[in-house]
Amino acid sequence: MLVVKVELWPAGSSALRQPLGTMHIGNVSNLADLSDYQVIVMETANALTGTPPGIAKFSVLAHARRQRVWALLQRACGEAMMAEWTDL
């Protein structure tokens, strides 16, 4: 499983960091060359955009695993933008 944590570090200071969200990406196809992934994303409330905290679950299907991790993250982020989010 891949876990991605997104934090804001105002002025580059870890002491002032603020969590923004997390993404959990799990392979559900036994590490096949073309793999399917189950993804769960969570966001904290965002005062700037006015969005409440939320969660979404979706799949990334038929991803060619033998690429850099950034290719999977790009696909998962694209799906997150189109996912149906549930307010927490």
N, C-alpha and C. Protein backbone atom coordinates (compact mmCIF):
# COMPACT_ATOMS: atom_id res chain seq x y z
N MET A 1 0.85 -1.18 0.00
CA MET A 1 0.00 0.00 0.00
C MET A 1 0.89 1.24 0.00
N LEU A 2 0.50 2.19 -0.80
CA LEU A 2 1.14 3.51 -0.79
C LEU A 2 0.29 4.45 0.05
N VAL A 3 0.95 5.27 0.83
CA VAL A 3 0.26 6.29 1.61
C VAL A 3 0.91 7.63 1.29
N VAL A 4 0.09 8.58 0.86
CA VAL A 4 0.56 9.91 0.52
C VAL A 4 -0.06 10.90 1.50
N LYS A 5 0.78 11.68 2.17
CA LYS A 5 0.31 12.70 3.09
C LYS A 5 0.60 14.07 2.48
N VAL A 6 -0.40 14.94 2.50
CA VAL A 6 -0.24 16.29 1.97
C VAL A 6 -0.33 17.26 3.13
N GLU A 7 0.73 18.06 3.30
CA GLU A 7 0.77 19.04 4.38
C GLU A 7 1.19 20.39 3.80
N LEU A 8 0.69 21.45 4.40
CA LEU A 8 1.12 22.80 4.10
C LEU A 8 2.13 23.21 5.17
N TRP A 9 3.29 23.69 4.74
CA TRP A 9 4.34 24.15 5.66
C TRP A 9 4.51 25.66 5.44
N PRO A 10 3.77 26.49 6.15
CA PRO A 10 3.90 27.94 5.96
C PRO A 10 5.35 28.39 6.18
N ALA A 11 5.86 29.17 5.26
CA ALA A 11 7.24 29.68 5.29
C ALA A 11 8.26 28.54 5.39
N GLY A 12 7.88 27.32 4.98
CA GLY A 12 8.80 26.19 5.01
C GLY A 12 9.04 25.63 6.40
N SER A 13 8.22 26.00 7.37
CA SER A 13 8.43 25.60 8.76
C SER A 13 7.60 24.36 9.12
N SER A 14 8.31 23.29 9.50
CA SER A 14 7.60 22.08 9.91
C SER A 14 6.82 22.32 11.22
N ALA A 15 7.26 23.27 12.02
CA ALA A 15 6.56 23.57 13.28
C ALA A 15 5.18 24.15 13.02
N LEU A 16 4.99 24.76 11.85
CA LEU A 16 3.69 25.38 11.51
C LEU A 16 2.86 24.53 10.55
N ARG A 17 3.31 23.29 10.31
CA ARG A 17 2.64 22.47 9.29
C ARG A 17 1.17 22.23 9.62
N GLN A 18 0.39 22.13 8.54
CA GLN A 18 -1.05 21.88 8.64
C GLN A 18 -1.40 20.75 7.70
N PRO A 19 -2.02 19.68 8.21
CA PRO A 19 -2.42 18.58 7.32
C PRO A 19 -3.54 19.03 6.39
N LEU A 20 -3.45 18.61 5.13
CA LEU A 20 -4.49 18.93 4.15
C LEU A 20 -5.24 17.68 3.69
N GLY A 21 -4.53 16.54 3.60
CA GLY A 21 -5.20 15.34 3.14
C GLY A 21 -4.27 14.14 3.10
N THR A 22 -4.88 12.98 2.87
CA THR A 22 -4.14 11.73 2.71
C THR A 22 -4.75 10.92 1.58
N MET A 23 -3.92 10.06 1.00
CA MET A 23 -4.37 9.15 -0.05
C MET A 23 -3.77 7.78 0.26
N HIS A 24 -4.61 6.75 0.26
CA HIS A 24 -4.17 5.37 0.46
C HIS A 24 -4.46 4.62 -0.84
N ILE A 25 -3.42 4.03 -1.41
CA ILE A 25 -3.54 3.31 -2.69
C ILE A 25 -3.12 1.87 -2.46
N GLY A 26 -4.04 0.93 -2.64
CA GLY A 26 -3.75 -0.48 -2.43
C GLY A 26 -3.96 -1.30 -3.70
N ASN A 27 -2.97 -2.12 -4.03
CA ASN A 27 -3.06 -3.01 -5.19
C ASN A 27 -4.00 -4.16 -4.84
N VAL A 28 -5.00 -4.38 -5.70
CA VAL A 28 -5.98 -5.45 -5.46
C VAL A 28 -5.92 -6.53 -6.54
N SER A 29 -4.79 -6.60 -7.26
CA SER A 29 -4.70 -7.56 -8.36
C SER A 29 -3.41 -8.38 -8.31
N ASN A 30 -2.94 -8.68 -7.11
CA ASN A 30 -1.78 -9.57 -6.94
C ASN A 30 -0.55 -9.14 -7.72
N LEU A 31 -0.32 -7.84 -7.80
CA LEU A 31 0.88 -7.29 -8.43
C LEU A 31 1.04 -7.67 -9.90
N ALA A 32 -0.08 -7.79 -10.60
CA ALA A 32 -0.05 -8.09 -12.03
C ALA A 32 0.59 -6.93 -12.79
N ASP A 33 1.13 -7.21 -13.99
CA ASP A 33 1.74 -6.15 -14.79
C ASP A 33 0.76 -5.01 -15.06
N LEU A 34 -0.50 -5.35 -15.35
CA LEU A 34 -1.58 -4.35 -15.41
C LEU A 34 -2.39 -4.54 -14.14
N SER A 35 -2.23 -3.63 -13.20
CA SER A 35 -2.83 -3.79 -11.88
C SER A 35 -4.01 -2.86 -11.66
N ASP A 36 -4.91 -3.32 -10.82
CA ASP A 36 -6.04 -2.51 -10.35
C ASP A 36 -5.75 -2.09 -8.92
N TYR A 37 -6.19 -0.88 -8.59
CA TYR A 37 -5.93 -0.32 -7.27
C TYR A 37 -7.22 0.22 -6.67
N GLN A 38 -7.37 0.03 -5.37
CA GLN A 38 -8.45 0.65 -4.61
C GLN A 38 -7.84 1.87 -3.91
N VAL A 39 -8.51 3.00 -4.00
CA VAL A 39 -7.97 4.25 -3.46
C VAL A 39 -8.98 4.87 -2.50
N ILE A 40 -8.47 5.35 -1.37
CA ILE A 40 -9.26 6.11 -0.41
C ILE A 40 -8.54 7.43 -0.18
N VAL A 41 -9.25 8.53 -0.38
CA VAL A 41 -8.67 9.86 -0.16
C VAL A 41 -9.49 10.59 0.89
N MET A 42 -8.80 11.38 1.70
CA MET A 42 -9.46 12.18 2.74
C MET A 42 -8.88 13.58 2.70
N GLU A 43 -9.72 14.57 2.94
CA GLU A 43 -9.31 15.97 2.99
C GLU A 43 -9.80 16.60 4.28
N THR A 44 -9.00 17.52 4.80
CA THR A 44 -9.46 18.32 5.92
C THR A 44 -10.32 19.46 5.38
N ALA A 45 -11.02 20.15 6.27
CA ALA A 45 -11.79 21.32 5.86
C ALA A 45 -10.84 22.37 5.29
N ASN A 46 -11.31 23.12 4.31
CA ASN A 46 -10.47 24.14 3.68
C ASN A 46 -11.22 25.47 3.73
N ALA A 47 -10.77 26.35 4.62
CA ALA A 47 -11.43 27.65 4.78
C ALA A 47 -11.29 28.51 3.53
N LEU A 48 -10.18 28.35 2.80
CA LEU A 48 -9.95 29.15 1.60
C LEU A 48 -10.98 28.85 0.51
N THR A 49 -11.28 27.56 0.31
CA THR A 49 -12.24 27.16 -0.73
C THR A 49 -13.65 26.96 -0.19
N GLY A 50 -13.77 26.93 1.14
CA GLY A 50 -15.08 26.73 1.75
C GLY A 50 -15.56 25.30 1.72
N THR A 51 -14.66 24.34 1.49
CA THR A 51 -15.07 22.94 1.43
C THR A 51 -14.93 22.30 2.81
N PRO A 52 -15.89 21.44 3.16
CA PRO A 52 -15.82 20.73 4.44
C PRO A 52 -14.86 19.55 4.34
N PRO A 53 -14.53 18.93 5.46
CA PRO A 53 -13.72 17.71 5.38
C PRO A 53 -14.49 16.65 4.61
N GLY A 54 -13.76 15.80 3.90
CA GLY A 54 -14.45 14.80 3.09
C GLY A 54 -13.61 13.57 2.84
N ILE A 55 -14.29 12.56 2.27
CA ILE A 55 -13.67 11.28 1.94
C ILE A 55 -14.24 10.80 0.61
N ALA A 56 -13.41 10.11 -0.16
CA ALA A 56 -13.87 9.50 -1.41
C ALA A 56 -13.16 8.17 -1.58
N LYS A 57 -13.85 7.22 -2.20
CA LYS A 57 -13.29 5.90 -2.51
C LYS A 57 -13.53 5.64 -3.99
N PHE A 58 -12.49 5.11 -4.65
CA PHE A 58 -12.60 4.84 -6.08
C PHE A 58 -11.51 3.86 -6.49
N SER A 59 -11.51 3.50 -7.76
CA SER A 59 -10.53 2.55 -8.28
C SER A 59 -9.71 3.19 -9.39
N VAL A 60 -8.48 2.72 -9.54
CA VAL A 60 -7.65 2.99 -10.70
C VAL A 60 -7.46 1.62 -11.35
N LEU A 61 -7.93 1.47 -12.57
CA LEU A 61 -7.95 0.16 -13.22
C LEU A 61 -6.91 0.06 -14.33
N ALA A 62 -6.37 -1.14 -14.48
CA ALA A 62 -5.45 -1.48 -15.58
C ALA A 62 -4.27 -0.52 -15.68
N HIS A 63 -3.65 -0.27 -14.54
CA HIS A 63 -2.46 0.59 -14.53
C HIS A 63 -1.21 -0.25 -14.75
N ALA A 64 -0.37 0.17 -15.67
CA ALA A 64 0.89 -0.52 -15.95
C ALA A 64 1.85 -0.27 -14.78
N ARG A 65 2.07 -1.29 -13.96
CA ARG A 65 2.83 -1.14 -12.72
C ARG A 65 4.30 -0.82 -12.91
N ARG A 66 4.85 -1.14 -14.04
CA ARG A 66 6.30 -0.98 -14.21
C ARG A 66 6.65 0.43 -14.67
N GLN A 67 6.02 1.40 -14.04
CA GLN A 67 6.29 2.81 -14.29
C GLN A 67 6.75 3.44 -12.97
N ARG A 68 7.20 4.64 -13.05
CA ARG A 68 7.54 5.36 -11.83
C ARG A 68 6.29 5.54 -10.98
N VAL A 69 6.46 5.65 -9.70
CA VAL A 69 5.35 5.80 -8.77
C VAL A 69 4.51 7.04 -9.11
N TRP A 70 5.13 8.04 -9.71
CA TRP A 70 4.42 9.28 -10.03
C TRP A 70 3.32 9.07 -11.06
N ALA A 71 3.48 8.07 -11.93
CA ALA A 71 2.44 7.78 -12.92
C ALA A 71 1.18 7.27 -12.23
N LEU A 72 1.33 6.41 -11.23
CA LEU A 72 0.18 5.92 -10.47
C LEU A 72 -0.44 7.06 -9.67
N LEU A 73 0.39 7.88 -9.07
CA LEU A 73 -0.13 9.01 -8.29
C LEU A 73 -0.88 9.99 -9.19
N GLN A 74 -0.38 10.22 -10.39
CA GLN A 74 -1.07 11.10 -11.34
C GLN A 74 -2.45 10.56 -11.68
N ARG A 75 -2.52 9.26 -11.95
CA ARG A 75 -3.83 8.67 -12.29
C ARG A 75 -4.77 8.74 -11.10
N ALA A 76 -4.25 8.44 -9.90
CA ALA A 76 -5.10 8.47 -8.71
C ALA A 76 -5.59 9.89 -8.43
N CYS A 77 -4.73 10.88 -8.60
CA CYS A 77 -5.14 12.27 -8.39
C CYS A 77 -6.20 12.69 -9.41
N GLY A 78 -6.04 12.26 -10.64
CA GLY A 78 -7.05 12.56 -11.66
C GLY A 78 -8.40 11.96 -11.31
N GLU A 79 -8.40 10.71 -10.84
CA GLU A 79 -9.65 10.07 -10.42
C GLU A 79 -10.25 10.76 -9.20
N ALA A 80 -9.38 11.23 -8.29
CA ALA A 80 -9.87 11.93 -7.09
C ALA A 80 -10.62 13.20 -7.47
N MET A 81 -10.17 13.87 -8.52
CA MET A 81 -10.83 15.10 -8.96
C MET A 81 -12.23 14.83 -9.52
N MET A 82 -12.46 13.61 -10.02
CA MET A 82 -13.76 13.26 -10.59
C MET A 82 -14.63 12.44 -9.64
N ALA A 83 -14.07 12.05 -8.50
CA ALA A 83 -14.77 11.16 -7.57
C ALA A 83 -15.94 11.86 -6.88
N GLU A 84 -16.85 11.03 -6.40
CA GLU A 84 -17.96 11.53 -5.59
C GLU A 84 -17.50 11.56 -4.13
N TRP A 85 -17.43 12.75 -3.58
CA TRP A 85 -16.94 12.95 -2.22
C TRP A 85 -18.10 12.96 -1.23
N THR A 86 -17.85 12.42 -0.06
CA THR A 86 -18.82 12.44 1.05
C THR A 86 -18.29 13.38 2.12
N ASP A 87 -19.12 14.33 2.53
CA ASP A 87 -18.72 15.24 3.60
C ASP A 87 -18.66 14.48 4.92
N LEU A 88 -17.67 14.83 5.72
CA LEU A 88 -17.53 14.21 7.04
C LEU A 88 -18.05 15.14 8.11
